[in-house]
Amino acid sequence: MDKAKTKISALLITFNEEDNIEAVLDNINFADEIIVVDSFSTDNTVTLIKKHPHVKLIQREFTNYTDQKKFTMEQATHDWILFLDADERITPGLKEEILEVTQNDASASAYYFLRTFMFKKEILRFSGWQSDKNYRLFKKGKVHFTEDRIVHETLVVDGQSLTLKNKLLHYSFKNHHDYKGKMLKYGRMKAQEEFLKGKKARWYHFIFRPTYKFLNHYVMRLGFLDGKKGITICYLNALGVLERYRELKRLHNQKSH
């Protein structure tokens, strides 16, 4: 008697992803269930999702990444979760690996995906991204998100974690304005997280933390080998750190008035 097929729930959270949504939905169409939780997009994201009747769409107000991802995971009906960002794509080799580990009694509870960072249409080989990896495939019953992180959410895994060989494509850099907006948003959300923990912005944070971020990624992590792309990415990443401390200072000033 053949073993029953293990089913996969593919999950996405979205906001104004009209440039990515159809491509990512096509990319994950091998999953047995696709659920998108959208934060009331103001572009054509929702209209495009509705063209895919097999996709379950839920609209829900966005509070923070951890809260939204936790809610989205709770909607899944299958134990294997494939959780992607809208700007990520699974290669054919990675798809084969995903199906292999989920269908053959995988020993691990969760799998990291290494990511190839795409700068527009070109690969960014260094600039701190060469070792970038995230949990993207895991068993629902073996994980939970930590409550104290509101950005760059942390997954706690009960059991073994392994890393798949094939890399995920990450189309994070569409243009300068878009990536700058992401870095500033992440910086502000990180500030809210640190504010809730009672941390304060000191004068030296504004100088040393952004400078260290830039030099670490541009020099130590070989960003200079990426040419102009490396300068752009390393500068914008450092700008995100500076924004964190600007926002943290603003939050404390607001509290004291």
C-alpha atoms as a PDB file:
ATOM      1  CA  MET A   1       0.000   0.000   0.000  1.00  0.00           C
ATOM      2  CA  ASP A   2       1.410   3.400  -1.025  1.00  0.00           C
ATOM      3  CA  LYS A   3       2.221   5.877   1.685  1.00  0.00           C
ATOM      4  CA  ALA A   4      -0.197   8.826   1.860  1.00  0.00           C
ATOM      5  CA  LYS A   5       1.196  12.034   0.357  1.00  0.00           C
ATOM      6  CA  THR A   6       2.353  14.587   2.899  1.00  0.00           C
ATOM      7  CA  LYS A   7       0.627  17.898   2.214  1.00  0.00           C
ATOM      8  CA  ILE A   8       2.171  21.368   2.254  1.00  0.00           C
ATOM      9  CA  SER A   9       0.597  24.728   3.136  1.00  0.00           C
ATOM     10  CA  ALA A  10       2.302  27.651   1.356  1.00  0.00           C
ATOM     11  CA  LEU A  11       1.862  30.972   3.163  1.00  0.00           C
ATOM     12  CA  LEU A  12       2.426  34.630   2.231  1.00  0.00           C
ATOM     13  CA  ILE A  13       1.811  37.969   3.909  1.00  0.00           C
ATOM     14  CA  THR A  14       1.414  40.889   1.524  1.00  0.00           C
ATOM     15  CA  PHE A  15       1.032  44.641   1.237  1.00  0.00           C
ATOM     16  CA  ASN A  16       1.201  46.352  -2.150  1.00  0.00           C
ATOM     17  CA  GLU A  17       2.922  43.484  -3.935  1.00  0.00           C
ATOM     18  CA  GLU A  18       1.343  43.854  -7.388  1.00  0.00           C
ATOM     19  CA  ASP A  19       4.781  43.527  -9.018  1.00  0.00           C
ATOM     20  CA  ASN A  20       5.447  40.192  -7.312  1.00  0.00           C
ATOM     21  CA  ILE A  21       2.196  38.471  -6.455  1.00  0.00           C
ATOM     22  CA  GLU A  22       1.395  36.595  -9.659  1.00  0.00           C
ATOM     23  CA  ALA A  23       4.954  35.363 -10.087  1.00  0.00           C
ATOM     24  CA  VAL A  24       5.174  34.071  -6.517  1.00  0.00           C
ATOM     25  CA  LEU A  25       1.747  32.402  -6.669  1.00  0.00           C
ATOM     26  CA  ASP A  26       2.781  30.604  -9.854  1.00  0.00           C
ATOM     27  CA  ASN A  27       6.079  29.707  -8.199  1.00  0.00           C
ATOM     28  CA  ILE A  28       4.427  27.948  -5.232  1.00  0.00           C
ATOM     29  CA  ASN A  29       1.573  26.317  -7.118  1.00  0.00           C
ATOM     30  CA  PHE A  30       2.943  22.860  -6.252  1.00  0.00           C
ATOM     31  CA  ALA A  31       1.727  23.343  -2.661  1.00  0.00           C
ATOM     32  CA  ASP A  32      -1.529  21.668  -1.626  1.00  0.00           C
ATOM     33  CA  GLU A  33      -2.833  24.858  -0.068  1.00  0.00           C
ATOM     34  CA  ILE A  34      -1.926  28.522  -0.605  1.00  0.00           C
ATOM     35  CA  ILE A  35      -2.981  31.162   1.922  1.00  0.00           C
ATOM     36  CA  VAL A  36      -2.325  34.898   1.526  1.00  0.00           C
ATOM     37  CA  VAL A  37      -2.927  37.310   4.387  1.00  0.00           C
ATOM     38  CA  ASP A  38      -3.017  40.816   2.931  1.00  0.00           C
ATOM     39  CA  SER A  39      -2.785  44.038   4.957  1.00  0.00           C
ATOM     40  CA  PHE A  40      -5.393  45.912   2.887  1.00  0.00           C
ATOM     41  CA  SER A  41      -3.171  46.656  -0.105  1.00  0.00           C
ATOM     42  CA  THR A  42      -3.937  49.905  -1.942  1.00  0.00           C
ATOM     43  CA  ASP A  43      -2.613  48.729  -5.316  1.00  0.00           C
ATOM     44  CA  ASN A  44      -3.792  45.812  -7.509  1.00  0.00           C
ATOM     45  CA  THR A  45      -2.496  43.038  -5.234  1.00  0.00           C
ATOM     46  CA  VAL A  46      -5.914  41.835  -4.098  1.00  0.00           C
ATOM     47  CA  THR A  47      -7.409  41.983  -7.603  1.00  0.00           C
ATOM     48  CA  LEU A  48      -4.548  39.848  -8.901  1.00  0.00           C
ATOM     49  CA  ILE A  49      -4.877  37.332  -6.050  1.00  0.00           C
ATOM     50  CA  LYS A  50      -8.583  36.924  -6.817  1.00  0.00           C
ATOM     51  CA  LYS A  51      -7.641  35.707 -10.307  1.00  0.00           C
ATOM     52  CA  HIS A  52      -6.393  32.564  -8.550  1.00  0.00           C
ATOM     53  CA  PRO A  53      -9.535  30.869  -7.145  1.00  0.00           C
ATOM     54  CA  HIS A  54      -7.512  28.123  -5.458  1.00  0.00           C
ATOM     55  CA  VAL A  55      -5.751  30.726  -3.277  1.00  0.00           C
ATOM     56  CA  LYS A  56      -7.339  31.515   0.096  1.00  0.00           C
ATOM     57  CA  LEU A  57      -7.249  35.279   0.665  1.00  0.00           C
ATOM     58  CA  ILE A  58      -7.669  36.862   4.106  1.00  0.00           C
ATOM     59  CA  GLN A  59      -7.430  40.609   4.697  1.00  0.00           C
ATOM     60  CA  ARG A  60      -6.207  41.619   8.124  1.00  0.00           C
ATOM     61  CA  GLU A  61      -4.792  44.805   9.628  1.00  0.00           C
ATOM     62  CA  PHE A  62      -1.004  44.745  10.012  1.00  0.00           C
ATOM     63  CA  THR A  63       0.391  45.277  13.516  1.00  0.00           C
ATOM     64  CA  ASN A  64       3.872  43.812  13.158  1.00  0.00           C
ATOM     65  CA  TYR A  65       5.585  40.960  11.312  1.00  0.00           C
ATOM     66  CA  THR A  66       5.540  38.478  14.180  1.00  0.00           C
ATOM     67  CA  ASP A  67       1.844  39.010  14.858  1.00  0.00           C
ATOM     68  CA  GLN A  68       0.905  38.739  11.179  1.00  0.00           C
ATOM     69  CA  LYS A  69       2.997  35.637  10.523  1.00  0.00           C
ATOM     70  CA  LYS A  70       1.739  33.929  13.657  1.00  0.00           C
ATOM     71  CA  PHE A  71      -1.866  34.545  12.581  1.00  0.00           C
ATOM     72  CA  THR A  72      -1.129  33.341   9.044  1.00  0.00           C
ATOM     73  CA  MET A  73       0.454  30.117  10.287  1.00  0.00           C
ATOM     74  CA  GLU A  74      -2.609  29.438  12.443  1.00  0.00           C
ATOM     75  CA  GLN A  75      -4.752  29.396   9.261  1.00  0.00           C
ATOM     76  CA  ALA A  76      -2.787  26.532   7.701  1.00  0.00           C
ATOM     77  CA  THR A  77      -4.512  23.148   7.642  1.00  0.00           C
ATOM     78  CA  HIS A  78      -1.398  21.072   6.879  1.00  0.00           C
ATOM     79  CA  ASP A  79       1.568  20.459   9.177  1.00  0.00           C
ATOM     80  CA  TRP A  80       4.312  21.248   6.664  1.00  0.00           C
ATOM     81  CA  ILE A  81       4.550  25.018   6.238  1.00  0.00           C
ATOM     82  CA  LEU A  82       6.338  26.758   3.354  1.00  0.00           C
ATOM     83  CA  PHE A  83       6.459  30.441   4.351  1.00  0.00           C
ATOM     84  CA  LEU A  84       7.814  32.800   1.705  1.00  0.00           C
ATOM     85  CA  ASP A  85       8.054  36.539   1.156  1.00  0.00           C
ATOM     86  CA  ALA A  86       6.444  37.839  -2.026  1.00  0.00           C
ATOM     87  CA  ASP A  87       9.846  38.808  -3.463  1.00  0.00           C
ATOM     88  CA  GLU A  88      11.296  35.297  -3.091  1.00  0.00           C
ATOM     89  CA  ARG A  89      11.336  32.541  -5.729  1.00  0.00           C
ATOM     90  CA  ILE A  90      11.948  28.810  -5.467  1.00  0.00           C
ATOM     91  CA  THR A  91      14.295  27.343  -8.079  1.00  0.00           C
ATOM     92  CA  PRO A  92      13.518  23.945  -9.676  1.00  0.00           C
ATOM     93  CA  GLY A  93      16.322  22.333  -7.651  1.00  0.00           C
ATOM     94  CA  LEU A  94      15.006  23.782  -4.396  1.00  0.00           C
ATOM     95  CA  LYS A  95      11.478  22.608  -5.246  1.00  0.00           C
ATOM     96  CA  GLU A  96      12.788  19.060  -5.668  1.00  0.00           C
ATOM     97  CA  GLU A  97      14.522  19.263  -2.287  1.00  0.00           C
ATOM     98  CA  ILE A  98      11.354  20.568  -0.598  1.00  0.00           C
ATOM     99  CA  LEU A  99       9.287  17.703  -1.975  1.00  0.00           C
ATOM    100  CA  GLU A 100      11.999  15.186  -1.100  1.00  0.00           C
ATOM    101  CA  VAL A 101      12.274  16.139   2.577  1.00  0.00           C
ATOM    102  CA  THR A 102       8.532  16.557   3.139  1.00  0.00           C
ATOM    103  CA  GLN A 103       7.588  13.271   1.455  1.00  0.00           C
ATOM    104  CA  ASN A 104      10.276  11.078   2.987  1.00  0.00           C
ATOM    105  CA  ASP A 105       9.864  11.377   6.746  1.00  0.00           C
ATOM    106  CA  ALA A 106      12.310  14.208   7.244  1.00  0.00           C
ATOM    107  CA  SER A 107      14.324  13.980  10.434  1.00  0.00           C
ATOM    108  CA  ALA A 108      14.380  17.767  10.886  1.00  0.00           C
ATOM    109  CA  SER A 109      11.586  19.930  12.274  1.00  0.00           C
ATOM    110  CA  ALA A 110      12.668  22.984  10.281  1.00  0.00           C
ATOM    111  CA  TYR A 111      14.822  23.871   7.292  1.00  0.00           C
ATOM    112  CA  TYR A 112      16.853  26.959   6.562  1.00  0.00           C
ATOM    113  CA  PHE A 113      16.959  28.248   2.982  1.00  0.00           C
ATOM    114  CA  LEU A 114      20.121  30.002   1.844  1.00  0.00           C
ATOM    115  CA  ARG A 115      19.244  33.018  -0.302  1.00  0.00           C
ATOM    116  CA  THR A 116      20.764  34.520  -3.427  1.00  0.00           C
ATOM    117  CA  PHE A 117      20.206  38.269  -3.200  1.00  0.00           C
ATOM    118  CA  MET A 118      19.179  39.811  -6.534  1.00  0.00           C
ATOM    119  CA  PHE A 119      20.055  43.458  -7.200  1.00  0.00           C
ATOM    120  CA  LYS A 120      17.452  44.194  -9.894  1.00  0.00           C
ATOM    121  CA  LYS A 121      18.358  41.457 -12.405  1.00  0.00           C
ATOM    122  CA  GLU A 122      21.928  40.839 -11.199  1.00  0.00           C
ATOM    123  CA  ILE A 123      23.267  38.650  -8.389  1.00  0.00           C
ATOM    124  CA  LEU A 124      24.753  40.458  -5.400  1.00  0.00           C
ATOM    125  CA  ARG A 125      27.548  38.088  -4.398  1.00  0.00           C
ATOM    126  CA  PHE A 126      28.915  39.803  -1.291  1.00  0.00           C
ATOM    127  CA  SER A 127      27.945  42.893   0.785  1.00  0.00           C
ATOM    128  CA  GLY A 128      26.960  40.785   3.796  1.00  0.00           C
ATOM    129  CA  TRP A 129      24.411  38.668   1.917  1.00  0.00           C
ATOM    130  CA  GLN A 130      26.635  35.711   1.017  1.00  0.00           C
ATOM    131  CA  SER A 131      25.695  33.743   4.151  1.00  0.00           C
ATOM    132  CA  ASP A 132      22.101  34.992   4.401  1.00  0.00           C
ATOM    133  CA  LYS A 133      19.609  32.290   5.362  1.00  0.00           C
ATOM    134  CA  ASN A 134      16.160  32.038   6.931  1.00  0.00           C
ATOM    135  CA  TYR A 135      13.697  29.408   8.048  1.00  0.00           C
ATOM    136  CA  ARG A 136      11.257  28.895   5.199  1.00  0.00           C
ATOM    137  CA  LEU A 137      10.096  25.268   5.607  1.00  0.00           C
ATOM    138  CA  PHE A 138       9.005  23.780   8.921  1.00  0.00           C
ATOM    139  CA  LYS A 139       6.480  21.625  10.736  1.00  0.00           C
ATOM    140  CA  LYS A 140       3.670  23.707  12.201  1.00  0.00           C
ATOM    141  CA  GLY A 141       3.460  21.575  15.318  1.00  0.00           C
ATOM    142  CA  LYS A 142       7.164  21.963  16.067  1.00  0.00           C
ATOM    143  CA  VAL A 143       7.660  25.748  15.925  1.00  0.00           C
ATOM    144  CA  HIS A 144       6.462  29.056  17.313  1.00  0.00           C
ATOM    145  CA  PHE A 145       7.401  32.703  16.882  1.00  0.00           C
ATOM    146  CA  THR A 146       8.965  34.587  19.796  1.00  0.00           C
ATOM    147  CA  GLU A 147       6.704  37.313  21.166  1.00  0.00           C
ATOM    148  CA  ASP A 148       9.406  39.942  21.793  1.00  0.00           C
ATOM    149  CA  ARG A 149      10.342  40.523  18.140  1.00  0.00           C
ATOM    150  CA  ILE A 150       8.188  42.677  15.874  1.00  0.00           C
ATOM    151  CA  VAL A 151      10.543  42.785  12.881  1.00  0.00           C
ATOM    152  CA  HIS A 152      12.947  40.090  11.620  1.00  0.00           C
ATOM    153  CA  GLU A 153      10.760  37.652  13.529  1.00  0.00           C
ATOM    154  CA  THR A 154      12.431  34.719  15.264  1.00  0.00           C
ATOM    155  CA  LEU A 155      11.227  31.143  14.921  1.00  0.00           C
ATOM    156  CA  VAL A 156      11.792  28.830  17.896  1.00  0.00           C
ATOM    157  CA  VAL A 157      12.159  25.216  16.790  1.00  0.00           C
ATOM    158  CA  ASP A 158      11.475  22.109  18.841  1.00  0.00           C
ATOM    159  CA  GLY A 159      13.831  19.587  17.267  1.00  0.00           C
ATOM    160  CA  GLN A 160      16.566  19.520  14.666  1.00  0.00           C
ATOM    161  CA  SER A 161      17.185  22.241  12.068  1.00  0.00           C
ATOM    162  CA  LEU A 162      18.950  21.584   8.764  1.00  0.00           C
ATOM    163  CA  THR A 163      19.882  23.709   5.742  1.00  0.00           C
ATOM    164  CA  LEU A 164      18.822  22.799   2.213  1.00  0.00           C
ATOM    165  CA  LYS A 165      21.503  22.811  -0.505  1.00  0.00           C
ATOM    166  CA  ASN A 166      19.720  24.782  -3.215  1.00  0.00           C
ATOM    167  CA  LYS A 167      19.287  28.528  -2.742  1.00  0.00           C
ATOM    168  CA  LEU A 168      16.164  30.657  -2.752  1.00  0.00           C
ATOM    169  CA  LEU A 169      16.187  33.695  -5.079  1.00  0.00           C
ATOM    170  CA  HIS A 170      15.507  36.930  -3.207  1.00  0.00           C
ATOM    171  CA  TYR A 171      14.453  39.873  -5.419  1.00  0.00           C
ATOM    172  CA  SER A 172      14.606  42.409  -2.618  1.00  0.00           C
ATOM    173  CA  PHE A 173      16.212  45.302  -4.524  1.00  0.00           C
ATOM    174  CA  LYS A 174      13.760  46.568  -7.154  1.00  0.00           C
ATOM    175  CA  ASN A 175      15.064  50.149  -7.161  1.00  0.00           C
ATOM    176  CA  HIS A 176      16.827  52.609  -4.847  1.00  0.00           C
ATOM    177  CA  HIS A 177      13.638  54.271  -3.586  1.00  0.00           C
ATOM    178  CA  ASP A 178      11.901  50.972  -2.817  1.00  0.00           C
ATOM    179  CA  TYR A 179      14.857  49.442  -0.944  1.00  0.00           C
ATOM    180  CA  LYS A 180      15.484  52.670   0.984  1.00  0.00           C
ATOM    181  CA  GLY A 181      11.840  52.624   2.080  1.00  0.00           C
ATOM    182  CA  LYS A 182      12.217  49.041   3.331  1.00  0.00           C
ATOM    183  CA  MET A 183      15.359  49.844   5.314  1.00  0.00           C
ATOM    184  CA  LEU A 184      13.775  52.914   6.929  1.00  0.00           C
ATOM    185  CA  LYS A 185      10.641  50.924   7.798  1.00  0.00           C
ATOM    186  CA  TYR A 186      12.676  48.089   9.333  1.00  0.00           C
ATOM    187  CA  GLY A 187      14.740  50.644  11.261  1.00  0.00           C
ATOM    188  CA  ARG A 188      11.631  52.262  12.750  1.00  0.00           C
ATOM    189  CA  MET A 189      10.108  48.914  13.684  1.00  0.00           C
ATOM    190  CA  LYS A 190      13.366  47.810  15.307  1.00  0.00           C
ATOM    191  CA  ALA A 191      13.301  51.046  17.311  1.00  0.00           C
ATOM    192  CA  GLN A 192       9.784  50.246  18.566  1.00  0.00           C
ATOM    193  CA  GLU A 193      11.023  46.815  19.617  1.00  0.00           C
ATOM    194  CA  GLU A 194      13.975  48.295  21.543  1.00  0.00           C
ATOM    195  CA  PHE A 195      11.818  51.049  23.029  1.00  0.00           C
ATOM    196  CA  LEU A 196       9.519  48.416  24.555  1.00  0.00           C
ATOM    197  CA  LYS A 197      12.602  46.809  26.109  1.00  0.00           C
ATOM    198  CA  GLY A 198      13.595  50.122  27.711  1.00  0.00           C
ATOM    199  CA  LYS A 199      16.633  50.788  25.518  1.00  0.00           C
ATOM    200  CA  LYS A 200      17.725  54.357  24.797  1.00  0.00           C
ATOM    201  CA  ALA A 201      19.579  56.038  21.952  1.00  0.00           C
ATOM    202  CA  ARG A 202      22.901  57.505  23.088  1.00  0.00           C
ATOM    203  CA  TRP A 203      24.895  60.052  21.061  1.00  0.00           C
ATOM    204  CA  TYR A 204      27.512  57.486  20.073  1.00  0.00           C
ATOM    205  CA  HIS A 205      24.892  55.140  18.605  1.00  0.00           C
ATOM    206  CA  PHE A 206      24.232  57.677  15.835  1.00  0.00           C
ATOM    207  CA  ILE A 207      27.893  57.649  14.815  1.00  0.00           C
ATOM    208  CA  PHE A 208      29.370  54.254  15.561  1.00  0.00           C
ATOM    209  CA  ARG A 209      26.514  51.839  14.838  1.00  0.00           C
ATOM    210  CA  PRO A 210      25.772  53.011  11.239  1.00  0.00           C
ATOM    211  CA  THR A 211      29.507  53.372  10.532  1.00  0.00           C
ATOM    212  CA  TYR A 212      30.201  49.871  11.803  1.00  0.00           C
ATOM    213  CA  LYS A 213      27.318  48.480   9.745  1.00  0.00           C
ATOM    214  CA  PHE A 214      28.663  50.059   6.565  1.00  0.00           C
ATOM    215  CA  LEU A 215      32.299  49.106   7.124  1.00  0.00           C
ATOM    216  CA  ASN A 216      31.439  45.581   8.245  1.00  0.00           C
ATOM    217  CA  HIS A 217      29.417  44.876   5.109  1.00  0.00           C
ATOM    218  CA  TYR A 218      31.520  46.898   2.665  1.00  0.00           C
ATOM    219  CA  VAL A 219      34.987  45.893   3.886  1.00  0.00           C
ATOM    220  CA  MET A 220      34.794  42.794   6.111  1.00  0.00           C
ATOM    221  CA  ARG A 221      31.955  41.191   4.116  1.00  0.00           C
ATOM    222  CA  LEU A 222      33.588  42.217   0.812  1.00  0.00           C
ATOM    223  CA  GLY A 223      30.895  44.592  -0.425  1.00  0.00           C
ATOM    224  CA  PHE A 224      33.522  46.489  -2.446  1.00  0.00           C
ATOM    225  CA  LEU A 225      33.707  43.448  -4.757  1.00  0.00           C
ATOM    226  CA  ASP A 226      30.084  44.151  -5.773  1.00  0.00           C
ATOM    227  CA  GLY A 227      31.116  47.536  -7.217  1.00  0.00           C
ATOM    228  CA  LYS A 228      28.484  50.280  -7.263  1.00  0.00           C
ATOM    229  CA  LYS A 229      25.826  47.774  -6.190  1.00  0.00           C
ATOM    230  CA  GLY A 230      27.840  47.073  -3.035  1.00  0.00           C
ATOM    231  CA  ILE A 231      28.138  50.747  -2.127  1.00  0.00           C
ATOM    232  CA  THR A 232      24.395  51.249  -2.621  1.00  0.00           C
ATOM    233  CA  ILE A 233      23.342  48.245  -0.521  1.00  0.00           C
ATOM    234  CA  CYS A 234      25.855  48.850   2.282  1.00  0.00           C
ATOM    235  CA  TYR A 235      24.926  52.547   2.472  1.00  0.00           C
ATOM    236  CA  LEU A 236      21.182  51.850   2.617  1.00  0.00           C
ATOM    237  CA  ASN A 237      21.630  49.103   5.221  1.00  0.00           C
ATOM    238  CA  ALA A 238      23.623  51.568   7.363  1.00  0.00           C
ATOM    239  CA  LEU A 239      20.913  54.182   6.823  1.00  0.00           C
ATOM    240  CA  GLY A 240      18.408  51.714   8.285  1.00  0.00           C
ATOM    241  CA  VAL A 241      20.543  51.477  11.444  1.00  0.00           C
ATOM    242  CA  LEU A 242      20.725  55.276  11.706  1.00  0.00           C
ATOM    243  CA  GLU A 243      16.925  55.469  11.341  1.00  0.00           C
ATOM    244  CA  ARG A 244      16.547  52.995  14.212  1.00  0.00           C
ATOM    245  CA  TYR A 245      18.277  55.365  16.625  1.00  0.00           C
ATOM    246  CA  ARG A 246      16.524  58.457  15.238  1.00  0.00           C
ATOM    247  CA  GLU A 247      13.182  56.760  15.852  1.00  0.00           C
ATOM    248  CA  LEU A 248      14.234  55.465  19.269  1.00  0.00           C
ATOM    249  CA  LYS A 249      15.190  59.005  20.316  1.00  0.00           C
ATOM    250  CA  ARG A 250      11.889  60.342  18.947  1.00  0.00           C
ATOM    251  CA  LEU A 251       9.880  57.741  20.888  1.00  0.00           C
ATOM    252  CA  HIS A 252      11.608  58.652  24.161  1.00  0.00           C
ATOM    253  CA  ASN A 253      11.144  62.386  23.505  1.00  0.00           C
ATOM    254  CA  GLN A 254       7.485  61.750  22.798  1.00  0.00           C
ATOM    255  CA  LYS A 255       7.149  59.771  26.038  1.00  0.00           C
ATOM    256  CA  SER A 256       8.736  62.526  28.126  1.00  0.00           C
ATOM    257  CA  HIS A 257       6.341  65.220  26.870  1.00  0.00           C
END
